[in-house]
């Protein structure tokens, strides 16, 4: 998932709508299915120092540690969840 590793989709005019849609879906899934991890990722993000470069590898590692799965597995679960609605 590109959104886990970086913010480029939000700055690309052709992808910004998709970026917001995917980000919403990810947060909705976490809020509905993994509340503890949702709170943990929000807390982790809020505790980061502002305006410090957040490297791709660090983002991915933090995501895996806090959410408890790799971004690929997470994306499959979000897709299954949305398909079930």
Protein backbone atom coordinates (compact mmCIF):
# COMPACT_ATOMS: atom_id res chain seq x y z
CA UNK A 1 0.00 0.00 0.00
CA UNK A 2 1.49 3.26 -1.14
CA UNK A 3 -0.19 5.26 1.63
CA UNK A 4 1.61 3.32 4.34
CA UNK A 5 5.03 4.19 2.93
CA UNK A 6 4.54 7.78 1.81
CA UNK A 7 2.36 10.79 1.04
CA UNK A 8 3.00 11.01 -2.69
CA UNK A 9 -0.56 10.08 -3.64
CA UNK A 10 -1.84 13.14 -1.77
CA UNK A 11 0.42 15.44 -3.76
CA UNK A 12 -0.33 13.90 -7.16
CA UNK A 13 -3.29 15.67 -8.76
CA UNK A 14 -4.30 12.48 -10.59
CA UNK A 15 -4.31 10.37 -7.41
CA UNK A 16 -5.51 12.68 -4.66
CA UNK A 17 -9.15 11.53 -4.74
CA UNK A 18 -8.04 7.90 -4.60
CA UNK A 19 -5.63 8.74 -1.76
CA UNK A 20 -8.39 10.21 0.39
CA UNK A 21 -10.72 7.31 -0.42
CA UNK A 22 -8.13 4.70 0.50
CA UNK A 23 -7.13 6.58 3.67
CA UNK A 24 -10.78 6.78 4.71
CA UNK A 25 -11.27 3.04 4.06
CA UNK A 26 -8.18 2.17 6.10
CA UNK A 27 -9.28 4.28 9.06
CA UNK A 28 -12.88 3.02 8.85
CA UNK A 29 -11.68 -0.58 8.89
CA UNK A 30 -9.46 0.05 11.90
CA UNK A 31 -12.21 1.90 13.76
CA UNK A 32 -14.67 -0.93 13.12
CA UNK A 33 -12.47 -4.02 13.38
CA UNK A 34 -9.27 -3.17 15.24
CA UNK A 35 -10.11 -0.42 17.72
CA UNK A 36 -7.04 -0.98 19.90
CA UNK A 37 -4.69 -0.74 16.92
CA UNK A 38 -6.59 2.28 15.61
CA UNK A 39 -6.01 4.12 18.88
CA UNK A 40 -2.38 2.98 18.94
CA UNK A 41 -1.60 4.22 15.42
CA UNK A 42 -3.23 7.59 16.14
CA UNK A 43 -1.24 7.91 19.36
CA UNK A 44 1.98 6.85 17.64
CA UNK A 45 1.47 9.37 14.85
CA UNK A 46 0.58 12.18 17.27
CA UNK A 47 3.76 11.57 19.27
CA UNK A 48 6.06 12.05 16.28
CA UNK A 49 7.95 15.32 16.10
CA UNK A 50 6.45 17.64 13.47
CA UNK A 51 8.32 18.53 10.28
CA UNK A 52 10.79 15.66 10.64
CA UNK A 53 11.25 13.47 7.57
CA UNK A 54 9.50 10.14 8.07
CA UNK A 55 11.43 7.67 5.93
CA UNK A 56 9.58 5.00 3.92
CA UNK A 57 11.19 2.07 5.72
CA UNK A 58 10.46 3.59 9.12
CA UNK A 59 6.82 4.22 8.18
CA UNK A 60 6.37 0.64 7.03
CA UNK A 61 8.08 -0.81 10.11
CA UNK A 62 6.00 1.37 12.44
CA UNK A 63 2.81 0.35 10.65
CA UNK A 64 3.65 -3.34 10.90
CA UNK A 65 4.56 -3.05 14.57
CA UNK A 66 1.48 -1.06 15.61
CA UNK A 67 -1.12 -2.70 13.35
CA UNK A 68 0.33 -6.17 13.71
CA UNK A 69 0.51 -7.16 10.05
CA UNK A 70 2.25 -6.14 6.86
CA UNK A 71 0.56 -3.59 4.57
CA UNK A 72 -0.26 -6.24 1.95
CA UNK A 73 -2.20 -8.40 4.42
CA UNK A 74 -3.86 -5.28 5.82
CA UNK A 75 -4.98 -4.18 2.35
CA UNK A 76 -6.56 -7.62 1.74
CA UNK A 77 -8.46 -7.40 5.02
CA UNK A 78 -9.70 -3.87 4.25
CA UNK A 79 -10.87 -5.02 0.80
CA UNK A 80 -12.70 -8.04 2.24
CA UNK A 81 -14.30 -5.85 4.89
CA UNK A 82 -15.52 -3.27 2.37
CA UNK A 83 -16.83 -6.00 0.05
CA UNK A 84 -18.86 -7.38 2.95
CA UNK A 85 -20.70 -4.11 3.53
